[in-house]
């Protein structure tokens, strides 16, 4: 359980679906919050979150939402960030901390600068590296963040105390805290998260547009299912992420396209050695990556014993 002196009295969450809902459930389980308020575009989703015990009340206005609030989490699609910040800026008390869970950071920071002005110091950007392809309050999981990374991209204006408070909140959810600058964050995740989603969506879209799509899907098995799992994610959310991080994504897409061109030429030339070389390098890299993950998990388990 959380230390009583650290407990948030009131947390407001904009977006009570998978990300925001899981954050709420985890804080509650840890005893790290007294009251959670939900805000969102869909009253039906808010009512469902209330029924599920994810939130304790529903705010009827931005002013009512942030009044006497310790922490505000924006867990809505990143394109909504500025509008949300605009709506709450007049009502933020000097002690309220605002954070987010967006998958892009440079655009979010720019939105915060425009919306918050002198209150920018109260905004601590963050990104929990966890998710699943399901959406809505029903998708929320109390243990979604356990053992997962949460990246904080602190601003020069942020105080150490506010950054530590946001880190503490994610730690109560079971997350492991990492730090990156906003631009560095976006470059990393363009490669390892945003591009894979684009590729998965593109592959399923391509298959679905073929005249014999029904036959193709009929015979698609576990490999196709694993590769395309993330294409079941929210189109709205990933549209926003794709556009928000388009410059870094274009660089990664160009790099990937160049690698595909090399592989295509190997196919044209029936170059078995070239094809196997790419496959073998990828296999080694993936094995090393998985081994590193397993070693880190083992170290974490032993450190917690």
C-alpha atoms as a PDB file:
ATOM      1  CA  UNK A   1       0.000   0.000   0.000  1.00  0.00           C
ATOM      2  CA  UNK A   2       1.067   3.584  -0.632  1.00  0.00           C
ATOM      3  CA  UNK A   3       2.404   5.803   2.122  1.00  0.00           C
ATOM      4  CA  UNK A   4      -0.564   7.776   3.468  1.00  0.00           C
ATOM      5  CA  UNK A   5       1.329  11.070   3.242  1.00  0.00           C
ATOM      6  CA  UNK A   6       1.863  10.553  -0.504  1.00  0.00           C
ATOM      7  CA  UNK A   7      -1.686   9.569  -1.422  1.00  0.00           C
ATOM      8  CA  UNK A   8      -3.454  11.701  -4.029  1.00  0.00           C
ATOM      9  CA  UNK A   9      -6.676  13.092  -2.613  1.00  0.00           C
ATOM     10  CA  UNK A  10      -8.200  13.709  -6.022  1.00  0.00           C
ATOM     11  CA  UNK A  11      -7.116  12.592  -9.503  1.00  0.00           C
ATOM     12  CA  UNK A  12      -8.873  13.624 -12.716  1.00  0.00           C
ATOM     13  CA  UNK A  13      -8.608  11.466 -15.828  1.00  0.00           C
ATOM     14  CA  UNK A  14      -9.530  12.718 -19.292  1.00  0.00           C
ATOM     15  CA  UNK A  15     -10.254   9.502 -21.169  1.00  0.00           C
ATOM     16  CA  UNK A  16     -11.308   6.510 -19.077  1.00  0.00           C
ATOM     17  CA  UNK A  17     -10.633   3.772 -21.614  1.00  0.00           C
ATOM     18  CA  UNK A  18      -7.765   1.292 -21.707  1.00  0.00           C
ATOM     19  CA  UNK A  19      -4.947   3.647 -20.692  1.00  0.00           C
ATOM     20  CA  UNK A  20      -6.756   6.008 -18.335  1.00  0.00           C
ATOM     21  CA  UNK A  21      -8.941   3.265 -16.893  1.00  0.00           C
ATOM     22  CA  UNK A  22      -5.986   0.992 -16.169  1.00  0.00           C
ATOM     23  CA  UNK A  23      -4.172   3.892 -14.485  1.00  0.00           C
ATOM     24  CA  UNK A  24      -7.210   4.484 -12.273  1.00  0.00           C
ATOM     25  CA  UNK A  25      -7.613   0.818 -11.331  1.00  0.00           C
ATOM     26  CA  UNK A  26      -3.921   0.477 -10.497  1.00  0.00           C
ATOM     27  CA  UNK A  27      -3.861   3.594  -8.311  1.00  0.00           C
ATOM     28  CA  UNK A  28      -6.909   2.345  -6.456  1.00  0.00           C
ATOM     29  CA  UNK A  29      -5.414  -1.087  -5.885  1.00  0.00           C
ATOM     30  CA  UNK A  30      -2.225   0.511  -4.534  1.00  0.00           C
ATOM     31  CA  UNK A  31      -4.225   2.731  -2.172  1.00  0.00           C
ATOM     32  CA  UNK A  32      -2.585   5.730  -3.840  1.00  0.00           C
ATOM     33  CA  UNK A  33      -5.730   7.800  -4.428  1.00  0.00           C
ATOM     34  CA  UNK A  34      -8.842   8.776  -2.501  1.00  0.00           C
ATOM     35  CA  UNK A  35     -11.134   9.891  -5.318  1.00  0.00           C
ATOM     36  CA  UNK A  36     -10.962   9.631  -9.116  1.00  0.00           C
ATOM     37  CA  UNK A  37     -12.979  11.864 -11.434  1.00  0.00           C
ATOM     38  CA  UNK A  38     -13.672  10.900 -15.040  1.00  0.00           C
ATOM     39  CA  UNK A  39     -13.992  13.277 -17.987  1.00  0.00           C
ATOM     40  CA  UNK A  40     -14.676  12.320 -21.593  1.00  0.00           C
ATOM     41  CA  UNK A  41     -16.595  12.891 -24.808  1.00  0.00           C
ATOM     42  CA  UNK A  42     -18.899   9.912 -24.334  1.00  0.00           C
ATOM     43  CA  UNK A  43     -21.256  10.044 -21.371  1.00  0.00           C
ATOM     44  CA  UNK A  44     -22.055   6.366 -21.940  1.00  0.00           C
ATOM     45  CA  UNK A  45     -18.379   5.456 -21.516  1.00  0.00           C
ATOM     46  CA  UNK A  46     -18.155   7.549 -18.367  1.00  0.00           C
ATOM     47  CA  UNK A  47     -21.237   5.881 -16.931  1.00  0.00           C
ATOM     48  CA  UNK A  48     -19.771   2.486 -17.756  1.00  0.00           C
ATOM     49  CA  UNK A  49     -16.491   3.427 -16.059  1.00  0.00           C
ATOM     50  CA  UNK A  50     -18.486   4.483 -13.012  1.00  0.00           C
ATOM     51  CA  UNK A  51     -20.372   1.169 -12.972  1.00  0.00           C
ATOM     52  CA  UNK A  52     -17.105  -0.757 -13.248  1.00  0.00           C
ATOM     53  CA  UNK A  53     -15.604   1.123 -10.307  1.00  0.00           C
ATOM     54  CA  UNK A  54     -12.894   2.697 -12.452  1.00  0.00           C
ATOM     55  CA  UNK A  55     -13.915   6.212 -11.458  1.00  0.00           C
ATOM     56  CA  UNK A  56     -15.804   7.568  -8.448  1.00  0.00           C
ATOM     57  CA  UNK A  57     -17.583  10.477 -10.101  1.00  0.00           C
ATOM     58  CA  UNK A  58     -18.126  12.227 -13.432  1.00  0.00           C
ATOM     59  CA  UNK A  59     -17.209  15.882 -13.956  1.00  0.00           C
ATOM     60  CA  UNK A  60     -19.773  18.111 -15.643  1.00  0.00           C
ATOM     61  CA  UNK A  61     -17.358  20.879 -16.668  1.00  0.00           C
ATOM     62  CA  UNK A  62     -13.618  21.570 -16.887  1.00  0.00           C
ATOM     63  CA  UNK A  63     -13.882  23.924 -13.915  1.00  0.00           C
ATOM     64  CA  UNK A  64     -15.610  21.306 -11.782  1.00  0.00           C
ATOM     65  CA  UNK A  65     -13.133  18.680 -12.949  1.00  0.00           C
ATOM     66  CA  UNK A  66      -9.898  20.359 -11.893  1.00  0.00           C
ATOM     67  CA  UNK A  67     -11.079  22.163  -8.774  1.00  0.00           C
ATOM     68  CA  UNK A  68      -9.017  21.053  -5.760  1.00  0.00           C
ATOM     69  CA  UNK A  69      -7.297  18.388  -7.876  1.00  0.00           C
ATOM     70  CA  UNK A  70      -3.831  17.014  -7.150  1.00  0.00           C
ATOM     71  CA  UNK A  71      -3.183  15.350 -10.498  1.00  0.00           C
ATOM     72  CA  UNK A  72      -4.719  15.512 -13.979  1.00  0.00           C
ATOM     73  CA  UNK A  73      -3.986  12.718 -16.466  1.00  0.00           C
ATOM     74  CA  UNK A  74      -4.802  13.287 -20.130  1.00  0.00           C
ATOM     75  CA  UNK A  75      -5.342   9.820 -21.618  1.00  0.00           C
ATOM     76  CA  UNK A  76      -7.186  10.942 -24.751  1.00  0.00           C
ATOM     77  CA  UNK A  77      -5.956  10.793 -28.383  1.00  0.00           C
ATOM     78  CA  UNK A  78      -3.004  13.163 -28.737  1.00  0.00           C
ATOM     79  CA  UNK A  79      -4.812  15.485 -31.160  1.00  0.00           C
ATOM     80  CA  UNK A  80      -7.203  16.381 -28.322  1.00  0.00           C
ATOM     81  CA  UNK A  81      -4.431  17.483 -25.955  1.00  0.00           C
ATOM     82  CA  UNK A  82      -4.442  21.186 -26.745  1.00  0.00           C
ATOM     83  CA  UNK A  83      -8.228  21.495 -26.533  1.00  0.00           C
ATOM     84  CA  UNK A  84      -8.215  19.761 -23.143  1.00  0.00           C
ATOM     85  CA  UNK A  85      -5.389  21.951 -21.849  1.00  0.00           C
ATOM     86  CA  UNK A  86      -7.138  25.068 -23.165  1.00  0.00           C
ATOM     87  CA  UNK A  87     -10.292  24.074 -21.297  1.00  0.00           C
ATOM     88  CA  UNK A  88      -8.621  23.529 -17.924  1.00  0.00           C
ATOM     89  CA  UNK A  89      -5.923  26.218 -17.992  1.00  0.00           C
ATOM     90  CA  UNK A  90      -8.033  28.985 -16.403  1.00  0.00           C
ATOM     91  CA  UNK A  91      -8.981  26.767 -13.479  1.00  0.00           C
ATOM     92  CA  UNK A  92      -5.642  25.149 -12.616  1.00  0.00           C
ATOM     93  CA  UNK A  93      -4.459  25.905  -9.115  1.00  0.00           C
ATOM     94  CA  UNK A  94      -0.685  26.391  -8.661  1.00  0.00           C
ATOM     95  CA  UNK A  95      -0.370  23.024  -6.930  1.00  0.00           C
ATOM     96  CA  UNK A  96      -2.156  20.885  -9.540  1.00  0.00           C
ATOM     97  CA  UNK A  97       0.127  18.724 -11.650  1.00  0.00           C
ATOM     98  CA  UNK A  98      -0.924  17.860 -15.202  1.00  0.00           C
ATOM     99  CA  UNK A  99       0.522  14.914 -17.093  1.00  0.00           C
ATOM    100  CA  UNK A 100      -0.406  12.855 -20.135  1.00  0.00           C
ATOM    101  CA  UNK A 101      -0.060   9.363 -21.549  1.00  0.00           C
ATOM    102  CA  UNK A 102       0.386  10.268 -25.212  1.00  0.00           C
ATOM    103  CA  UNK A 103       2.488   8.160 -27.564  1.00  0.00           C
ATOM    104  CA  UNK A 104       4.088  11.274 -29.059  1.00  0.00           C
ATOM    105  CA  UNK A 105       5.745  14.009 -27.087  1.00  0.00           C
ATOM    106  CA  UNK A 106       7.081  16.868 -29.239  1.00  0.00           C
ATOM    107  CA  UNK A 107       3.594  17.803 -30.446  1.00  0.00           C
ATOM    108  CA  UNK A 108       2.158  17.437 -26.949  1.00  0.00           C
ATOM    109  CA  UNK A 109       4.836  19.715 -25.506  1.00  0.00           C
ATOM    110  CA  UNK A 110       4.124  22.316 -28.192  1.00  0.00           C
ATOM    111  CA  UNK A 111       0.407  22.097 -27.418  1.00  0.00           C
ATOM    112  CA  UNK A 112       1.154  22.595 -23.723  1.00  0.00           C
ATOM    113  CA  UNK A 113       3.308  25.655 -24.438  1.00  0.00           C
ATOM    114  CA  UNK A 114       0.507  27.241 -26.460  1.00  0.00           C
ATOM    115  CA  UNK A 115      -2.278  26.357 -24.029  1.00  0.00           C
ATOM    116  CA  UNK A 116      -0.692  26.758 -20.608  1.00  0.00           C
ATOM    117  CA  UNK A 117       1.619  29.732 -20.970  1.00  0.00           C
ATOM    118  CA  UNK A 118       3.060  30.581 -17.561  1.00  0.00           C
ATOM    119  CA  UNK A 119       1.535  27.388 -16.144  1.00  0.00           C
ATOM    120  CA  UNK A 120       3.684  25.205 -18.408  1.00  0.00           C
ATOM    121  CA  UNK A 121       5.842  24.261 -15.413  1.00  0.00           C
ATOM    122  CA  UNK A 122       2.866  22.268 -14.084  1.00  0.00           C
ATOM    123  CA  UNK A 123       2.790  19.975 -17.129  1.00  0.00           C
ATOM    124  CA  UNK A 124       4.993  16.867 -16.887  1.00  0.00           C
ATOM    125  CA  UNK A 125       4.817  14.861 -20.149  1.00  0.00           C
ATOM    126  CA  UNK A 126       4.876  11.069 -19.890  1.00  0.00           C
ATOM    127  CA  UNK A 127       4.182   7.919 -21.891  1.00  0.00           C
ATOM    128  CA  UNK A 128       3.437   4.484 -20.407  1.00  0.00           C
ATOM    129  CA  UNK A 129       4.744   1.777 -22.739  1.00  0.00           C
ATOM    130  CA  UNK A 130       1.845  -0.620 -22.466  1.00  0.00           C
ATOM    131  CA  UNK A 131      -1.364  -1.355 -24.274  1.00  0.00           C
ATOM    132  CA  UNK A 132      -3.543  -3.871 -26.028  1.00  0.00           C
ATOM    133  CA  UNK A 133      -5.699  -3.799 -29.123  1.00  0.00           C
ATOM    134  CA  UNK A 134      -8.957  -3.380 -27.167  1.00  0.00           C
ATOM    135  CA  UNK A 135     -10.558  -0.051 -26.324  1.00  0.00           C
ATOM    136  CA  UNK A 136     -13.019   1.443 -23.866  1.00  0.00           C
ATOM    137  CA  UNK A 137     -13.523   1.100 -20.114  1.00  0.00           C
ATOM    138  CA  UNK A 138     -14.087  -2.647 -20.389  1.00  0.00           C
ATOM    139  CA  UNK A 139     -10.555  -3.023 -21.742  1.00  0.00           C
ATOM    140  CA  UNK A 140      -8.945  -1.527 -18.610  1.00  0.00           C
ATOM    141  CA  UNK A 141      -6.689  -3.865 -16.620  1.00  0.00           C
ATOM    142  CA  UNK A 142      -5.487  -3.334 -13.071  1.00  0.00           C
ATOM    143  CA  UNK A 143      -2.082  -4.850 -13.901  1.00  0.00           C
ATOM    144  CA  UNK A 144      -1.572  -3.369 -17.375  1.00  0.00           C
ATOM    145  CA  UNK A 145       1.511  -1.389 -16.303  1.00  0.00           C
ATOM    146  CA  UNK A 146       3.170  -3.935 -14.023  1.00  0.00           C
ATOM    147  CA  UNK A 147       6.767  -4.396 -15.138  1.00  0.00           C
ATOM    148  CA  UNK A 148       6.278  -2.031 -18.099  1.00  0.00           C
ATOM    149  CA  UNK A 149       8.273   1.124 -18.813  1.00  0.00           C
ATOM    150  CA  UNK A 150       6.830   4.576 -18.254  1.00  0.00           C
ATOM    151  CA  UNK A 151       8.871   7.277 -19.989  1.00  0.00           C
ATOM    152  CA  UNK A 152       8.888  10.787 -18.538  1.00  0.00           C
ATOM    153  CA  UNK A 153      10.042  13.548 -20.896  1.00  0.00           C
ATOM    154  CA  UNK A 154      10.461  16.315 -18.351  1.00  0.00           C
ATOM    155  CA  UNK A 155      10.605  19.933 -19.382  1.00  0.00           C
ATOM    156  CA  UNK A 156      13.194  22.496 -18.216  1.00  0.00           C
ATOM    157  CA  UNK A 157      10.335  24.323 -16.489  1.00  0.00           C
ATOM    158  CA  UNK A 158       9.310  21.298 -14.388  1.00  0.00           C
ATOM    159  CA  UNK A 159      10.266  21.142 -10.718  1.00  0.00           C
ATOM    160  CA  UNK A 160      12.007  18.053  -9.385  1.00  0.00           C
ATOM    161  CA  UNK A 161       9.144  17.616  -6.939  1.00  0.00           C
ATOM    162  CA  UNK A 162       6.472  17.522  -9.662  1.00  0.00           C
ATOM    163  CA  UNK A 163       8.489  15.101 -11.794  1.00  0.00           C
ATOM    164  CA  UNK A 164       8.993  12.867  -8.765  1.00  0.00           C
ATOM    165  CA  UNK A 165       5.254  12.979  -8.060  1.00  0.00           C
ATOM    166  CA  UNK A 166       4.370  11.824 -11.575  1.00  0.00           C
ATOM    167  CA  UNK A 167       7.031   9.114 -11.390  1.00  0.00           C
ATOM    168  CA  UNK A 168       5.590   7.970  -8.046  1.00  0.00           C
ATOM    169  CA  UNK A 169       2.114   7.682  -9.569  1.00  0.00           C
ATOM    170  CA  UNK A 170       3.351   5.395 -12.334  1.00  0.00           C
ATOM    171  CA  UNK A 171       5.446   3.404  -9.877  1.00  0.00           C
ATOM    172  CA  UNK A 172       2.292   2.744  -7.861  1.00  0.00           C
ATOM    173  CA  UNK A 173       0.909   1.196 -11.052  1.00  0.00           C
ATOM    174  CA  UNK A 174       3.929  -1.127 -11.169  1.00  0.00           C
ATOM    175  CA  UNK A 175       5.757   0.708 -13.948  1.00  0.00           C
ATOM    176  CA  UNK A 176       9.516   1.159 -14.288  1.00  0.00           C
ATOM    177  CA  UNK A 177      10.475   4.796 -14.827  1.00  0.00           C
ATOM    178  CA  UNK A 178      12.693   5.904 -17.716  1.00  0.00           C
ATOM    179  CA  UNK A 179      13.600   9.397 -18.912  1.00  0.00           C
ATOM    180  CA  UNK A 180      14.013  10.751 -22.462  1.00  0.00           C
ATOM    181  CA  UNK A 181      13.809  14.185 -24.035  1.00  0.00           C
ATOM    182  CA  UNK A 182      10.688  14.735 -26.204  1.00  0.00           C
ATOM    183  CA  UNK A 183      12.470  14.621 -29.581  1.00  0.00           C
ATOM    184  CA  UNK A 184      14.508  11.574 -28.590  1.00  0.00           C
ATOM    185  CA  UNK A 185      11.345   9.840 -27.428  1.00  0.00           C
ATOM    186  CA  UNK A 186       9.597  10.452 -30.737  1.00  0.00           C
ATOM    187  CA  UNK A 187      12.554   9.186 -32.777  1.00  0.00           C
ATOM    188  CA  UNK A 188      12.751   5.971 -30.748  1.00  0.00           C
ATOM    189  CA  UNK A 189       9.051   5.190 -30.861  1.00  0.00           C
ATOM    190  CA  UNK A 190       8.714   6.020 -34.545  1.00  0.00           C
ATOM    191  CA  UNK A 191      10.973   3.019 -35.122  1.00  0.00           C
ATOM    192  CA  UNK A 192       9.769   0.484 -32.577  1.00  0.00           C
ATOM    193  CA  UNK A 193       6.086   1.319 -32.164  1.00  0.00           C
ATOM    194  CA  UNK A 194       4.617   3.723 -34.677  1.00  0.00           C
ATOM    195  CA  UNK A 195       6.096   2.154 -37.818  1.00  0.00           C
ATOM    196  CA  UNK A 196       5.044  -1.402 -36.797  1.00  0.00           C
ATOM    197  CA  UNK A 197       1.467  -0.168 -36.350  1.00  0.00           C
ATOM    198  CA  UNK A 198       1.542   1.484 -39.778  1.00  0.00           C
ATOM    199  CA  UNK A 199       2.833  -1.746 -41.344  1.00  0.00           C
ATOM    200  CA  UNK A 200       0.230  -3.914 -39.623  1.00  0.00           C
ATOM    201  CA  UNK A 201      -2.596  -1.630 -40.704  1.00  0.00           C
ATOM    202  CA  UNK A 202      -1.239  -1.498 -44.265  1.00  0.00           C
ATOM    203  CA  UNK A 203      -0.962  -5.286 -44.564  1.00  0.00           C
ATOM    204  CA  UNK A 204      -4.493  -5.975 -43.322  1.00  0.00           C
ATOM    205  CA  UNK A 205      -5.880  -3.159 -45.475  1.00  0.00           C
ATOM    206  CA  UNK A 206      -4.117  -4.624 -48.518  1.00  0.00           C
ATOM    207  CA  UNK A 207      -5.468  -8.117 -47.866  1.00  0.00           C
ATOM    208  CA  UNK A 208      -8.976  -6.795 -47.206  1.00  0.00           C
ATOM    209  CA  UNK A 209      -9.047  -4.974 -50.568  1.00  0.00           C
ATOM    210  CA  UNK A 210      -8.216  -8.060 -52.641  1.00  0.00           C
ATOM    211  CA  UNK A 211     -11.062  -9.756 -54.522  1.00  0.00           C
ATOM    212  CA  UNK A 212     -10.331 -13.057 -52.795  1.00  0.00           C
ATOM    213  CA  UNK A 213      -9.940 -11.501 -49.329  1.00  0.00           C
ATOM    214  CA  UNK A 214     -12.373 -13.983 -47.755  1.00  0.00           C
ATOM    215  CA  UNK A 215     -10.248 -16.890 -48.918  1.00  0.00           C
ATOM    216  CA  UNK A 216      -7.043 -15.248 -47.720  1.00  0.00           C
ATOM    217  CA  UNK A 217      -8.439 -14.543 -44.255  1.00  0.00           C
ATOM    218  CA  UNK A 218      -9.811 -18.088 -44.100  1.00  0.00           C
ATOM    219  CA  UNK A 219      -6.305 -19.506 -44.327  1.00  0.00           C
ATOM    220  CA  UNK A 220      -4.494 -16.860 -42.293  1.00  0.00           C
ATOM    221  CA  UNK A 221      -3.077 -18.536 -39.186  1.00  0.00           C
ATOM    222  CA  UNK A 222      -1.050 -17.686 -36.098  1.00  0.00           C
ATOM    223  CA  UNK A 223       1.792 -15.926 -37.904  1.00  0.00           C
ATOM    224  CA  UNK A 224      -0.592 -13.518 -39.609  1.00  0.00           C
ATOM    225  CA  UNK A 225      -2.549 -13.065 -36.385  1.00  0.00           C
ATOM    226  CA  UNK A 226       0.579 -12.251 -34.372  1.00  0.00           C
ATOM    227  CA  UNK A 227       1.978  -9.862 -36.971  1.00  0.00           C
ATOM    228  CA  UNK A 228      -1.304  -7.981 -37.396  1.00  0.00           C
ATOM    229  CA  UNK A 229      -2.591  -7.999 -33.794  1.00  0.00           C
ATOM    230  CA  UNK A 230      -1.927  -4.293 -33.357  1.00  0.00           C
ATOM    231  CA  UNK A 231      -4.070  -3.474 -36.410  1.00  0.00           C
ATOM    232  CA  UNK A 232      -7.004  -4.057 -34.054  1.00  0.00           C
ATOM    233  CA  UNK A 233      -6.096  -0.874 -32.151  1.00  0.00           C
ATOM    234  CA  UNK A 234      -8.087   2.363 -32.261  1.00  0.00           C
ATOM    235  CA  UNK A 235      -7.890   3.911 -35.773  1.00  0.00           C
ATOM    236  CA  UNK A 236      -8.559   7.387 -34.366  1.00  0.00           C
ATOM    237  CA  UNK A 237      -5.765   7.154 -31.825  1.00  0.00           C
ATOM    238  CA  UNK A 238      -3.258   5.823 -34.327  1.00  0.00           C
ATOM    239  CA  UNK A 239      -4.283   8.336 -36.988  1.00  0.00           C
ATOM    240  CA  UNK A 240      -3.377  11.073 -34.511  1.00  0.00           C
ATOM    241  CA  UNK A 241      -0.081   9.417 -33.542  1.00  0.00           C
ATOM    242  CA  UNK A 242       0.884   8.884 -37.185  1.00  0.00           C
ATOM    243  CA  UNK A 243       0.294  12.521 -38.081  1.00  0.00           C
ATOM    244  CA  UNK A 244       1.797  13.905 -34.883  1.00  0.00           C
ATOM    245  CA  UNK A 245       5.055  12.015 -35.429  1.00  0.00           C
ATOM    246  CA  UNK A 246       5.029  12.103 -39.215  1.00  0.00           C
ATOM    247  CA  UNK A 247       8.549  13.517 -39.686  1.00  0.00           C
ATOM    248  CA  UNK A 248      10.233  10.791 -37.647  1.00  0.00           C
ATOM    249  CA  UNK A 249       7.912   8.173 -39.140  1.00  0.00           C
ATOM    250  CA  UNK A 250       8.794   9.234 -42.673  1.00  0.00           C
ATOM    251  CA  UNK A 251      12.469   8.727 -41.888  1.00  0.00           C
ATOM    252  CA  UNK A 252      11.795   5.262 -40.497  1.00  0.00           C
ATOM    253  CA  UNK A 253       9.464   4.373 -43.368  1.00  0.00           C
ATOM    254  CA  UNK A 254      12.101   5.428 -45.901  1.00  0.00           C
ATOM    255  CA  UNK A 255      14.697   3.298 -44.104  1.00  0.00           C
ATOM    256  CA  UNK A 256      12.350   0.304 -44.035  1.00  0.00           C
ATOM    257  CA  UNK A 257      11.406   0.799 -47.694  1.00  0.00           C
ATOM    258  CA  UNK A 258      15.102   0.788 -48.620  1.00  0.00           C
ATOM    259  CA  UNK A 259      15.571  -2.503 -46.750  1.00  0.00           C
ATOM    260  CA  UNK A 260      12.560  -3.972 -48.570  1.00  0.00           C
ATOM    261  CA  UNK A 261      14.076  -2.843 -51.873  1.00  0.00           C
ATOM    262  CA  UNK A 262      17.273  -4.764 -51.042  1.00  0.00           C
ATOM    263  CA  UNK A 263      15.240  -7.843 -50.155  1.00  0.00           C
ATOM    264  CA  UNK A 264      13.185  -7.478 -53.326  1.00  0.00           C
ATOM    265  CA  UNK A 265      16.342  -7.371 -55.430  1.00  0.00           C
ATOM    266  CA  UNK A 266      17.552 -10.544 -53.738  1.00  0.00           C
ATOM    267  CA  UNK A 267      14.250 -12.149 -54.762  1.00  0.00           C
ATOM    268  CA  UNK A 268      14.595 -10.912 -58.336  1.00  0.00           C
ATOM    269  CA  UNK A 269      18.097 -12.399 -58.463  1.00  0.00           C
ATOM    270  CA  UNK A 270      17.057 -15.589 -56.640  1.00  0.00           C
ATOM    271  CA  UNK A 271      19.904 -14.714 -54.273  1.00  0.00           C
ATOM    272  CA  UNK A 272      19.542 -17.303 -51.504  1.00  0.00           C
ATOM    273  CA  UNK A 273      22.633 -16.082 -49.668  1.00  0.00           C
ATOM    274  CA  UNK A 274      21.410 -12.489 -49.579  1.00  0.00           C
ATOM    275  CA  UNK A 275      17.945 -13.471 -48.371  1.00  0.00           C
ATOM    276  CA  UNK A 276      19.318 -15.774 -45.694  1.00  0.00           C
ATOM    277  CA  UNK A 277      21.735 -13.081 -44.567  1.00  0.00           C
ATOM    278  CA  UNK A 278      18.885 -10.634 -43.872  1.00  0.00           C
ATOM    279  CA  UNK A 279      16.845 -13.335 -42.146  1.00  0.00           C
ATOM    280  CA  UNK A 280      19.792 -14.495 -40.034  1.00  0.00           C
ATOM    281  CA  UNK A 281      20.703 -10.968 -38.947  1.00  0.00           C
ATOM    282  CA  UNK A 282      17.080 -10.346 -37.956  1.00  0.00           C
ATOM    283  CA  UNK A 283      16.922 -13.628 -36.052  1.00  0.00           C
ATOM    284  CA  UNK A 284      20.113 -12.839 -34.093  1.00  0.00           C
ATOM    285  CA  UNK A 285      18.921  -9.351 -33.261  1.00  0.00           C
ATOM    286  CA  UNK A 286      15.548 -10.624 -32.056  1.00  0.00           C
ATOM    287  CA  UNK A 287      17.118 -13.391 -29.949  1.00  0.00           C
ATOM    288  CA  UNK A 288      19.463 -10.845 -28.329  1.00  0.00           C
ATOM    289  CA  UNK A 289      16.562  -8.510 -27.660  1.00  0.00           C
ATOM    290  CA  UNK A 290      14.446 -11.233 -26.030  1.00  0.00           C
ATOM    291  CA  UNK A 291      17.434 -12.413 -23.962  1.00  0.00           C
ATOM    292  CA  UNK A 292      17.995  -8.870 -22.700  1.00  0.00           C
ATOM    293  CA  UNK A 293      14.323  -8.565 -21.733  1.00  0.00           C
ATOM    294  CA  UNK A 294      14.388 -11.885 -19.892  1.00  0.00           C
ATOM    295  CA  UNK A 295      17.594 -10.940 -18.054  1.00  0.00           C
ATOM    296  CA  UNK A 296      16.091  -7.607 -16.977  1.00  0.00           C
ATOM    297  CA  UNK A 297      12.912  -9.329 -15.791  1.00  0.00           C
ATOM    298  CA  UNK A 298      14.932 -11.871 -13.824  1.00  0.00           C
ATOM    299  CA  UNK A 299      16.981  -9.110 -12.202  1.00  0.00           C
ATOM    300  CA  UNK A 300      13.787  -7.260 -11.303  1.00  0.00           C
ATOM    301  CA  UNK A 301      12.247 -10.381  -9.732  1.00  0.00           C
ATOM    302  CA  UNK A 302      15.383 -11.136  -7.726  1.00  0.00           C
ATOM    303  CA  UNK A 303      15.635  -7.510  -6.648  1.00  0.00           C
ATOM    304  CA  UNK A 304      12.071  -7.656  -5.355  1.00  0.00           C
ATOM    305  CA  UNK A 305      12.614 -10.843  -3.327  1.00  0.00           C
END
